[in-house]
Structures are given as C-alpha cells and as structure tokens.
C-alpha cells in the first residue's frame, strides 16, 4: 500500500511558541475525535484518483471503502492495518503502529516527540508533519487542518499526504466530515479472498 506525504525541502522553522501552541491544538483535536466518517479522494504518485468513504473509530479502527468497481479494501481492526486486493486475492498486514496512520487512530499517542508544524502562507491552514527518525521505514505523514471553531479542538481535518520509505506519495482529501457519531465495530470486518471469493 503506497502512503503519501508532500514535504518540500524549503521548510523554515516556525517560532517555537507557535509550534508548541499549534501542536497542542492538533493534539487536542486528535484526542477529541472518537470517531469520524468522511468522503475521500485519493491521488497516487501517477495522478490516478480513486474515491470512497472513510470510517474511523478509536482506538485503532479505520476503513477505506473504495467506490464500486475498485477491488481494494483497507481496514484497521485495532491491531493491524490490512490491505486487501480482491482482484489477485492478496492480503498484506502491518502493525498499526508501524504506519503513519497511527497518528490518526491512536488516541494516546503523544505527537510532540516526532511531529512539527509546517509553515503555511495561509493562517487558516495548519499543517503538521509526523516522522519518526528512528523508524524511517514507517514513512511520513503530513496532516492538513483548517481552523474551524465548530470542529473538535477547533480544527477540521482536510486530509493528509503520505510518503512511504520509497518516496511514493499518496494524497487524501476529505469532504463531508462528521465526527463522534456511533460506529458499529462490524464496519471493520472484511472477507478474506484467500478463503472466500465473495467481495467484502
């Protein structure tokens, strides 16, 4: 699974106080979100666009349900992130902590040790890059927020860019975000194509 993140080399350090305050706001947002649903648009490094629905439930659960006709499913069940390709009956799994998405779905994760604010020309936009220098193989993620008093913690997650360890970039843009609604745990089940040819 190719995750993405855009980070240009031209990053100047933001003032320490702004960094600290903005990071704390991001942490408050992440802590305030127990569940989320949204429409997503995914663009890969080749410019191919796929659409679908994102469902998130903490701790550790996430599902990327792609549009009809796309034989791919990505599900996090609280322990592992699973990538299923029904067209070739292939299943890959990673511990959630080994993926950049751990930032989003682990409510206890303290991001201050490995995240930094990315300066933006637009004061209404707040971007934060997460990268663990001890584990470069986990890749990088840049979360993009819009300041919005009506959203949890005063921030509305607009999407993210992920960069895997091979430099492959994937961009996710969100719309119709809804927070802290009841989400059934059954949402995060899936059919294993190695045992069952039925599509999930």
C-alpha atoms as a PDB file:
ATOM      1  CA  UNK A   1       0.000   0.000   0.000  1.00  0.00           C
ATOM      2  CA  UNK A   2       1.524   3.311  -1.007  1.00  0.00           C
ATOM      3  CA  UNK A   3       1.004   6.070   1.524  1.00  0.00           C
ATOM      4  CA  UNK A   4       1.873   9.641   0.868  1.00  0.00           C
ATOM      5  CA  UNK A   5       3.256  12.847   2.121  1.00  0.00           C
ATOM      6  CA  UNK A   6       4.481  16.045   0.450  1.00  0.00           C
ATOM      7  CA  UNK A   7       7.375  17.799   2.154  1.00  0.00           C
ATOM      8  CA  UNK A   8       9.381  20.284   0.226  1.00  0.00           C
ATOM      9  CA  UNK A   9      12.921  20.893   1.254  1.00  0.00           C
ATOM     10  CA  UNK A  10      12.205  24.563   1.762  1.00  0.00           C
ATOM     11  CA  UNK A  11      10.924  24.371   5.303  1.00  0.00           C
ATOM     12  CA  UNK A  12      11.857  27.188   7.614  1.00  0.00           C
ATOM     13  CA  UNK A  13      11.399  26.638  11.316  1.00  0.00           C
ATOM     14  CA  UNK A  14       8.331  28.320  12.744  1.00  0.00           C
ATOM     15  CA  UNK A  15       8.738  30.227  16.003  1.00  0.00           C
ATOM     16  CA  UNK A  16       8.942  27.821  18.927  1.00  0.00           C
ATOM     17  CA  UNK A  17       5.905  29.267  20.704  1.00  0.00           C
ATOM     18  CA  UNK A  18       3.690  28.958  17.629  1.00  0.00           C
ATOM     19  CA  UNK A  19       4.973  25.422  17.108  1.00  0.00           C
ATOM     20  CA  UNK A  20       4.137  24.452  20.682  1.00  0.00           C
ATOM     21  CA  UNK A  21       0.681  26.055  20.684  1.00  0.00           C
ATOM     22  CA  UNK A  22      -0.332  24.694  17.287  1.00  0.00           C
ATOM     23  CA  UNK A  23       0.940  21.193  18.086  1.00  0.00           C
ATOM     24  CA  UNK A  24      -1.032  21.261  21.328  1.00  0.00           C
ATOM     25  CA  UNK A  25      -4.141  22.241  19.362  1.00  0.00           C
ATOM     26  CA  UNK A  26      -3.600  19.346  16.961  1.00  0.00           C
ATOM     27  CA  UNK A  27      -3.187  17.009  19.947  1.00  0.00           C
ATOM     28  CA  UNK A  28      -6.456  18.359  21.422  1.00  0.00           C
ATOM     29  CA  UNK A  29      -8.243  17.742  18.123  1.00  0.00           C
ATOM     30  CA  UNK A  30      -6.944  14.181  17.863  1.00  0.00           C
ATOM     31  CA  UNK A  31      -7.942  13.492  21.476  1.00  0.00           C
ATOM     32  CA  UNK A  32     -11.422  14.974  20.963  1.00  0.00           C
ATOM     33  CA  UNK A  33     -12.244  12.773  17.962  1.00  0.00           C
ATOM     34  CA  UNK A  34     -13.534   9.335  18.942  1.00  0.00           C
ATOM     35  CA  UNK A  35     -14.977   8.557  15.507  1.00  0.00           C
ATOM     36  CA  UNK A  36     -15.204  10.121  12.068  1.00  0.00           C
ATOM     37  CA  UNK A  37     -16.780   9.437   8.708  1.00  0.00           C
ATOM     38  CA  UNK A  38     -15.942  11.299   5.505  1.00  0.00           C
ATOM     39  CA  UNK A  39     -15.862  11.011   1.747  1.00  0.00           C
ATOM     40  CA  UNK A  40     -12.303  10.761   0.457  1.00  0.00           C
ATOM     41  CA  UNK A  41     -10.463  11.293  -2.780  1.00  0.00           C
ATOM     42  CA  UNK A  42      -7.101   9.526  -3.104  1.00  0.00           C
ATOM     43  CA  UNK A  43      -4.464  10.592  -5.613  1.00  0.00           C
ATOM     44  CA  UNK A  44      -1.376   8.403  -6.111  1.00  0.00           C
ATOM     45  CA  UNK A  45       2.062   9.332  -7.417  1.00  0.00           C
ATOM     46  CA  UNK A  46       0.918   8.760 -11.013  1.00  0.00           C
ATOM     47  CA  UNK A  47      -2.059  11.086 -10.658  1.00  0.00           C
ATOM     48  CA  UNK A  48      -4.632   8.288 -10.558  1.00  0.00           C
ATOM     49  CA  UNK A  49      -7.662   9.269  -8.486  1.00  0.00           C
ATOM     50  CA  UNK A  50      -9.880   6.883  -6.512  1.00  0.00           C
ATOM     51  CA  UNK A  51     -12.860   7.889  -4.376  1.00  0.00           C
ATOM     52  CA  UNK A  52     -14.584   6.268  -1.461  1.00  0.00           C
ATOM     53  CA  UNK A  53     -15.740   6.503   2.136  1.00  0.00           C
ATOM     54  CA  UNK A  54     -13.530   6.683   5.219  1.00  0.00           C
ATOM     55  CA  UNK A  55     -14.722   5.431   8.599  1.00  0.00           C
ATOM     56  CA  UNK A  56     -12.590   5.831  11.724  1.00  0.00           C
ATOM     57  CA  UNK A  57     -13.191   4.671  15.288  1.00  0.00           C
ATOM     58  CA  UNK A  58     -10.699   4.880  18.113  1.00  0.00           C
ATOM     59  CA  UNK A  59      -8.762   3.113  19.280  1.00  0.00           C
ATOM     60  CA  UNK A  60      -7.127   1.793  16.135  1.00  0.00           C
ATOM     61  CA  UNK A  61     -10.012   1.154  13.763  1.00  0.00           C
ATOM     62  CA  UNK A  62     -10.185   2.598  10.252  1.00  0.00           C
ATOM     63  CA  UNK A  63     -11.751   1.556   6.936  1.00  0.00           C
ATOM     64  CA  UNK A  64     -11.193   2.886   3.425  1.00  0.00           C
ATOM     65  CA  UNK A  65     -14.143   1.637   1.394  1.00  0.00           C
ATOM     66  CA  UNK A  66     -13.407   2.394  -2.258  1.00  0.00           C
ATOM     67  CA  UNK A  67     -16.030   3.161  -4.885  1.00  0.00           C
ATOM     68  CA  UNK A  68     -17.843   0.343  -6.660  1.00  0.00           C
ATOM     69  CA  UNK A  69     -15.611  -1.435  -9.174  1.00  0.00           C
ATOM     70  CA  UNK A  70     -12.385  -0.875  -7.221  1.00  0.00           C
ATOM     71  CA  UNK A  71     -11.325  -4.310  -5.869  1.00  0.00           C
ATOM     72  CA  UNK A  72      -9.305  -2.874  -2.961  1.00  0.00           C
ATOM     73  CA  UNK A  73     -10.111  -2.522   0.728  1.00  0.00           C
ATOM     74  CA  UNK A  74      -8.014  -1.140   3.587  1.00  0.00           C
ATOM     75  CA  UNK A  75      -9.092  -1.952   7.149  1.00  0.00           C
ATOM     76  CA  UNK A  76      -7.527  -1.340  10.545  1.00  0.00           C
ATOM     77  CA  UNK A  77      -9.036  -3.564  13.257  1.00  0.00           C
ATOM     78  CA  UNK A  78      -7.296  -2.042  16.271  1.00  0.00           C
ATOM     79  CA  UNK A  79      -4.139  -4.137  15.980  1.00  0.00           C
ATOM     80  CA  UNK A  80      -3.134  -4.300  12.331  1.00  0.00           C
ATOM     81  CA  UNK A  81      -3.728  -2.403   9.130  1.00  0.00           C
ATOM     82  CA  UNK A  82      -4.790  -4.809   6.378  1.00  0.00           C
ATOM     83  CA  UNK A  83      -4.608  -4.144   2.637  1.00  0.00           C
ATOM     84  CA  UNK A  84      -6.830  -6.492   0.614  1.00  0.00           C
ATOM     85  CA  UNK A  85      -6.701  -6.714  -3.178  1.00  0.00           C
ATOM     86  CA  UNK A  86      -9.631  -8.885  -4.242  1.00  0.00           C
ATOM     87  CA  UNK A  87      -8.547  -8.930  -7.890  1.00  0.00           C
ATOM     88  CA  UNK A  88      -5.470 -11.037  -7.073  1.00  0.00           C
ATOM     89  CA  UNK A  89      -6.657 -12.462  -3.713  1.00  0.00           C
ATOM     90  CA  UNK A  90      -3.753 -10.812  -1.910  1.00  0.00           C
ATOM     91  CA  UNK A  91      -3.727  -9.743   1.741  1.00  0.00           C
ATOM     92  CA  UNK A  92      -0.989  -7.710   3.438  1.00  0.00           C
ATOM     93  CA  UNK A  93      -0.883  -6.719   7.101  1.00  0.00           C
ATOM     94  CA  UNK A  94       1.194  -4.291   9.159  1.00  0.00           C
ATOM     95  CA  UNK A  95       1.060  -3.415  12.868  1.00  0.00           C
ATOM     96  CA  UNK A  96      -0.858  -0.136  13.013  1.00  0.00           C
ATOM     97  CA  UNK A  97       1.978   1.448  14.988  1.00  0.00           C
ATOM     98  CA  UNK A  98       4.265   0.834  12.005  1.00  0.00           C
ATOM     99  CA  UNK A  99       2.192   3.030   9.691  1.00  0.00           C
ATOM    100  CA  UNK A 100       1.800   6.817   9.549  1.00  0.00           C
ATOM    101  CA  UNK A 101      -1.941   6.371  10.125  1.00  0.00           C
ATOM    102  CA  UNK A 102      -1.174   5.522  13.752  1.00  0.00           C
ATOM    103  CA  UNK A 103      -1.146   9.275  14.344  1.00  0.00           C
ATOM    104  CA  UNK A 104      -4.833   9.447  13.462  1.00  0.00           C
ATOM    105  CA  UNK A 105      -6.193   6.393  15.203  1.00  0.00           C
ATOM    106  CA  UNK A 106      -4.192   6.051  18.411  1.00  0.00           C
ATOM    107  CA  UNK A 107      -5.793   8.420  20.950  1.00  0.00           C
ATOM    108  CA  UNK A 108      -2.935   8.008  23.430  1.00  0.00           C
ATOM    109  CA  UNK A 109      -0.135   8.853  21.031  1.00  0.00           C
ATOM    110  CA  UNK A 110       1.836  11.926  22.070  1.00  0.00           C
ATOM    111  CA  UNK A 111       2.805  13.550  18.801  1.00  0.00           C
ATOM    112  CA  UNK A 112       5.067  16.217  20.285  1.00  0.00           C
ATOM    113  CA  UNK A 113       8.143  13.985  20.139  1.00  0.00           C
ATOM    114  CA  UNK A 114       8.069  13.378  16.392  1.00  0.00           C
ATOM    115  CA  UNK A 115       5.722  15.941  14.816  1.00  0.00           C
ATOM    116  CA  UNK A 116       6.367  19.510  13.706  1.00  0.00           C
ATOM    117  CA  UNK A 117       4.301  22.334  12.290  1.00  0.00           C
ATOM    118  CA  UNK A 118       4.875  23.031   8.601  1.00  0.00           C
ATOM    119  CA  UNK A 119       4.754  26.804   7.967  1.00  0.00           C
ATOM    120  CA  UNK A 120       1.823  27.921   5.824  1.00  0.00           C
ATOM    121  CA  UNK A 121       1.195  31.169   3.990  1.00  0.00           C
ATOM    122  CA  UNK A 122      -2.498  30.887   4.914  1.00  0.00           C
ATOM    123  CA  UNK A 123      -3.190  31.475   8.648  1.00  0.00           C
ATOM    124  CA  UNK A 124      -6.432  29.495   8.320  1.00  0.00           C
ATOM    125  CA  UNK A 125      -4.485  26.349   7.430  1.00  0.00           C
ATOM    126  CA  UNK A 126      -2.474  24.292   9.908  1.00  0.00           C
ATOM    127  CA  UNK A 127      -0.212  21.501   8.634  1.00  0.00           C
ATOM    128  CA  UNK A 128       1.714  19.091  10.820  1.00  0.00           C
ATOM    129  CA  UNK A 129       4.289  16.573   9.651  1.00  0.00           C
ATOM    130  CA  UNK A 130       4.814  13.326  11.519  1.00  0.00           C
ATOM    131  CA  UNK A 131       8.057  11.404  11.055  1.00  0.00           C
ATOM    132  CA  UNK A 132       9.893   9.015  13.352  1.00  0.00           C
ATOM    133  CA  UNK A 133      13.646   9.325  12.608  1.00  0.00           C
ATOM    134  CA  UNK A 134      14.227   6.051  14.464  1.00  0.00           C
ATOM    135  CA  UNK A 135      11.929   4.262  12.006  1.00  0.00           C
ATOM    136  CA  UNK A 136      12.256   5.869   8.559  1.00  0.00           C
ATOM    137  CA  UNK A 137      10.685   2.723   7.089  1.00  0.00           C
ATOM    138  CA  UNK A 138       7.333   3.828   8.560  1.00  0.00           C
ATOM    139  CA  UNK A 139       7.235   6.772   6.144  1.00  0.00           C
ATOM    140  CA  UNK A 140       5.958  10.289   6.752  1.00  0.00           C
ATOM    141  CA  UNK A 141       2.541  11.840   7.049  1.00  0.00           C
ATOM    142  CA  UNK A 142       1.513  15.474   6.775  1.00  0.00           C
ATOM    143  CA  UNK A 143      -1.925  16.207   8.206  1.00  0.00           C
ATOM    144  CA  UNK A 144      -3.673  19.303   6.867  1.00  0.00           C
ATOM    145  CA  UNK A 145      -6.266  21.087   9.020  1.00  0.00           C
ATOM    146  CA  UNK A 146      -8.468  24.136   8.533  1.00  0.00           C
ATOM    147  CA  UNK A 147      -9.124  26.261  11.596  1.00  0.00           C
ATOM    148  CA  UNK A 148     -12.825  25.824  12.344  1.00  0.00           C
ATOM    149  CA  UNK A 149     -14.383  26.689  15.699  1.00  0.00           C
ATOM    150  CA  UNK A 150     -17.258  24.264  15.099  1.00  0.00           C
ATOM    151  CA  UNK A 151     -14.940  21.229  14.711  1.00  0.00           C
ATOM    152  CA  UNK A 152     -13.352  19.167  17.523  1.00  0.00           C
ATOM    153  CA  UNK A 153     -10.473  21.097  19.080  1.00  0.00           C
ATOM    154  CA  UNK A 154     -11.145  23.973  16.679  1.00  0.00           C
ATOM    155  CA  UNK A 155      -9.679  22.108  13.707  1.00  0.00           C
ATOM    156  CA  UNK A 156     -11.247  20.390  10.697  1.00  0.00           C
ATOM    157  CA  UNK A 157      -9.113  17.637   9.168  1.00  0.00           C
ATOM    158  CA  UNK A 158      -8.933  18.340   5.436  1.00  0.00           C
ATOM    159  CA  UNK A 159      -6.772  15.353   4.537  1.00  0.00           C
ATOM    160  CA  UNK A 160      -3.170  14.239   4.502  1.00  0.00           C
ATOM    161  CA  UNK A 161      -0.200  13.427   2.336  1.00  0.00           C
ATOM    162  CA  UNK A 162       1.795  10.273   2.953  1.00  0.00           C
ATOM    163  CA  UNK A 163       5.252   9.444   1.719  1.00  0.00           C
ATOM    164  CA  UNK A 164       6.424   5.851   2.042  1.00  0.00           C
ATOM    165  CA  UNK A 165      10.036   4.829   2.564  1.00  0.00           C
ATOM    166  CA  UNK A 166      10.488   4.510  -1.221  1.00  0.00           C
ATOM    167  CA  UNK A 167       9.352   8.092  -1.771  1.00  0.00           C
ATOM    168  CA  UNK A 168       5.933   7.200  -3.205  1.00  0.00           C
ATOM    169  CA  UNK A 169       3.399   9.898  -2.439  1.00  0.00           C
ATOM    170  CA  UNK A 170      -0.331   9.471  -1.834  1.00  0.00           C
ATOM    171  CA  UNK A 171      -2.690  12.363  -1.157  1.00  0.00           C
ATOM    172  CA  UNK A 172      -6.025  12.005   0.616  1.00  0.00           C
ATOM    173  CA  UNK A 173      -8.593  14.826   0.517  1.00  0.00           C
ATOM    174  CA  UNK A 174     -11.656  14.668   2.749  1.00  0.00           C
ATOM    175  CA  UNK A 175     -15.133  16.144   2.464  1.00  0.00           C
ATOM    176  CA  UNK A 176     -18.429  15.809   4.355  1.00  0.00           C
ATOM    177  CA  UNK A 177     -16.558  15.133   7.609  1.00  0.00           C
ATOM    178  CA  UNK A 178     -18.716  14.001  10.526  1.00  0.00           C
ATOM    179  CA  UNK A 179     -17.323  13.491  13.994  1.00  0.00           C
ATOM    180  CA  UNK A 180     -18.156  11.414  17.060  1.00  0.00           C
ATOM    181  CA  UNK A 181     -21.151   9.568  15.655  1.00  0.00           C
ATOM    182  CA  UNK A 182     -21.867   5.948  16.702  1.00  0.00           C
ATOM    183  CA  UNK A 183     -19.932   3.470  14.531  1.00  0.00           C
ATOM    184  CA  UNK A 184     -20.571  -0.273  14.711  1.00  0.00           C
ATOM    185  CA  UNK A 185     -17.499  -2.473  15.182  1.00  0.00           C
ATOM    186  CA  UNK A 186     -18.803  -4.672  12.366  1.00  0.00           C
ATOM    187  CA  UNK A 187     -17.775  -1.902   9.981  1.00  0.00           C
ATOM    188  CA  UNK A 188     -14.175  -3.064  10.387  1.00  0.00           C
ATOM    189  CA  UNK A 189     -14.708  -6.699   9.406  1.00  0.00           C
ATOM    190  CA  UNK A 190     -13.728  -7.949   5.969  1.00  0.00           C
ATOM    191  CA  UNK A 191     -13.912 -11.078   3.832  1.00  0.00           C
ATOM    192  CA  UNK A 192     -10.642 -12.873   3.256  1.00  0.00           C
ATOM    193  CA  UNK A 193     -10.401 -13.582  -0.518  1.00  0.00           C
ATOM    194  CA  UNK A 194      -7.964 -16.435   0.145  1.00  0.00           C
ATOM    195  CA  UNK A 195     -10.828 -18.336   1.786  1.00  0.00           C
ATOM    196  CA  UNK A 196     -13.924 -16.670   0.404  1.00  0.00           C
ATOM    197  CA  UNK A 197     -14.230 -15.354  -3.151  1.00  0.00           C
ATOM    198  CA  UNK A 198     -17.108 -13.062  -2.156  1.00  0.00           C
ATOM    199  CA  UNK A 199     -16.330  -9.370  -2.265  1.00  0.00           C
ATOM    200  CA  UNK A 200     -16.384  -7.541   1.057  1.00  0.00           C
END
